[in-house]
Amino acid sequence: MQAEGGVEPGGIRLSCGLEETNDILRDLEAAFTHVAGIKRERV
């Protein structure tokens, strides 16, 4: 499904709608903080 939408493995898809800029920035900061705490696992 991701490939059909043009999102490659390891890529990030960002879709913004009608939101306050600060809400979007707060959401991105929370997401990046969460991802920073995840260790990469080698396959």
N, C-alpha and C. Protein backbone atom coordinates (compact mmCIF):
# COMPACT_ATOMS: atom_id res chain seq x y z
N MET A 1 0.82 -1.20 0.00
CA MET A 1 0.00 0.00 0.00
C MET A 1 0.87 1.26 0.00
N GLN A 2 1.95 1.25 0.77
CA GLN A 2 2.81 2.43 0.80
C GLN A 2 3.44 2.70 -0.55
N ALA A 3 3.92 1.64 -1.22
CA ALA A 3 4.56 1.82 -2.52
C ALA A 3 3.58 2.39 -3.53
N GLU A 4 2.32 1.97 -3.45
CA GLU A 4 1.30 2.49 -4.36
C GLU A 4 1.10 3.99 -4.16
N GLY A 5 1.28 4.43 -2.91
CA GLY A 5 1.11 5.84 -2.60
C GLY A 5 2.37 6.66 -2.83
N GLY A 6 3.44 5.99 -3.30
CA GLY A 6 4.68 6.71 -3.58
C GLY A 6 5.60 6.87 -2.38
N VAL A 7 5.31 6.15 -1.28
CA VAL A 7 6.16 6.23 -0.10
C VAL A 7 7.10 5.03 -0.09
N GLU A 8 8.38 5.30 -0.17
CA GLU A 8 9.39 4.24 -0.19
C GLU A 8 9.67 3.77 1.24
N PRO A 9 10.14 2.53 1.40
CA PRO A 9 10.52 2.06 2.74
C PRO A 9 11.55 3.02 3.36
N GLY A 10 11.33 3.38 4.59
CA GLY A 10 12.23 4.32 5.25
C GLY A 10 11.88 5.77 5.00
N GLY A 11 10.89 6.01 4.15
CA GLY A 11 10.48 7.38 3.85
C GLY A 11 9.45 7.87 4.84
N ILE A 12 9.18 9.15 4.79
CA ILE A 12 8.19 9.77 5.66
C ILE A 12 7.15 10.45 4.78
N ARG A 13 5.90 10.18 5.06
CA ARG A 13 4.81 10.85 4.35
C ARG A 13 4.19 11.84 5.32
N LEU A 14 4.14 13.08 4.94
CA LEU A 14 3.59 14.12 5.78
C LEU A 14 2.42 14.77 5.06
N SER A 15 1.27 14.72 5.68
CA SER A 15 0.08 15.32 5.11
C SER A 15 -0.47 16.34 6.10
N CYS A 16 -0.58 17.58 5.67
CA CYS A 16 -1.06 18.64 6.55
C CYS A 16 -2.39 19.18 6.04
N GLY A 17 -3.27 19.41 6.95
CA GLY A 17 -4.57 19.97 6.60
C GLY A 17 -4.71 21.36 7.21
N LEU A 18 -5.92 21.70 7.53
CA LEU A 18 -6.19 23.01 8.12
C LEU A 18 -6.06 22.91 9.64
N GLU A 19 -4.86 23.11 10.11
CA GLU A 19 -4.58 23.08 11.54
C GLU A 19 -3.73 24.29 11.89
N GLU A 20 -3.74 24.60 13.15
CA GLU A 20 -2.86 25.67 13.61
C GLU A 20 -1.41 25.20 13.48
N THR A 21 -0.55 26.09 13.07
CA THR A 21 0.86 25.76 12.89
C THR A 21 1.46 25.15 14.15
N ASN A 22 1.15 25.72 15.30
CA ASN A 22 1.71 25.21 16.56
C ASN A 22 1.23 23.80 16.86
N ASP A 23 0.01 23.44 16.47
CA ASP A 23 -0.48 22.07 16.66
C ASP A 23 0.34 21.09 15.83
N ILE A 24 0.63 21.46 14.58
CA ILE A 24 1.42 20.60 13.69
C ILE A 24 2.84 20.45 14.25
N LEU A 25 3.44 21.55 14.67
CA LEU A 25 4.80 21.49 15.22
C LEU A 25 4.86 20.65 16.49
N ARG A 26 3.85 20.77 17.33
CA ARG A 26 3.78 19.97 18.57
C ARG A 26 3.65 18.49 18.24
N ASP A 27 2.82 18.15 17.27
CA ASP A 27 2.65 16.75 16.85
C ASP A 27 3.95 16.19 16.28
N LEU A 28 4.64 16.97 15.44
CA LEU A 28 5.91 16.53 14.87
C LEU A 28 6.96 16.32 15.95
N GLU A 29 7.03 17.24 16.90
CA GLU A 29 8.00 17.11 17.99
C GLU A 29 7.73 15.84 18.79
N ALA A 30 6.47 15.55 19.08
CA ALA A 30 6.12 14.34 19.82
C ALA A 30 6.50 13.09 19.03
N ALA A 31 6.25 13.11 17.73
CA ALA A 31 6.58 11.95 16.89
C ALA A 31 8.09 11.74 16.82
N PHE A 32 8.86 12.81 16.62
CA PHE A 32 10.32 12.68 16.55
C PHE A 32 10.90 12.23 17.88
N THR A 33 10.34 12.70 18.99
CA THR A 33 10.80 12.27 20.31
C THR A 33 10.54 10.78 20.49
N HIS A 34 9.38 10.33 20.06
CA HIS A 34 9.04 8.90 20.15
C HIS A 34 9.99 8.06 19.31
N VAL A 35 10.22 8.48 18.08
CA VAL A 35 11.08 7.72 17.16
C VAL A 35 12.52 7.70 17.67
N ALA A 36 12.97 8.78 18.27
CA ALA A 36 14.34 8.84 18.78
C ALA A 36 14.57 7.81 19.88
N GLY A 37 13.50 7.41 20.56
CA GLY A 37 13.62 6.43 21.64
C GLY A 37 13.57 4.99 21.16
N ILE A 38 13.34 4.78 19.88
CA ILE A 38 13.24 3.42 19.33
C ILE A 38 14.60 3.03 18.76
N LYS A 39 15.09 1.87 19.19
CA LYS A 39 16.37 1.39 18.67
C LYS A 39 16.12 0.70 17.35
N ARG A 40 17.01 0.91 16.41
CA ARG A 40 16.91 0.23 15.11
C ARG A 40 17.34 -1.22 15.28
N GLU A 41 16.59 -2.09 14.67
CA GLU A 41 16.91 -3.51 14.71
C GLU A 41 17.42 -3.93 13.35
N ARG A 42 18.59 -4.58 13.33
CA ARG A 42 19.14 -5.05 12.06
C ARG A 42 18.46 -6.34 11.66
N VAL A 43 18.12 -6.42 10.39
CA VAL A 43 17.46 -7.62 9.87
C VAL A 43 18.41 -8.37 8.99
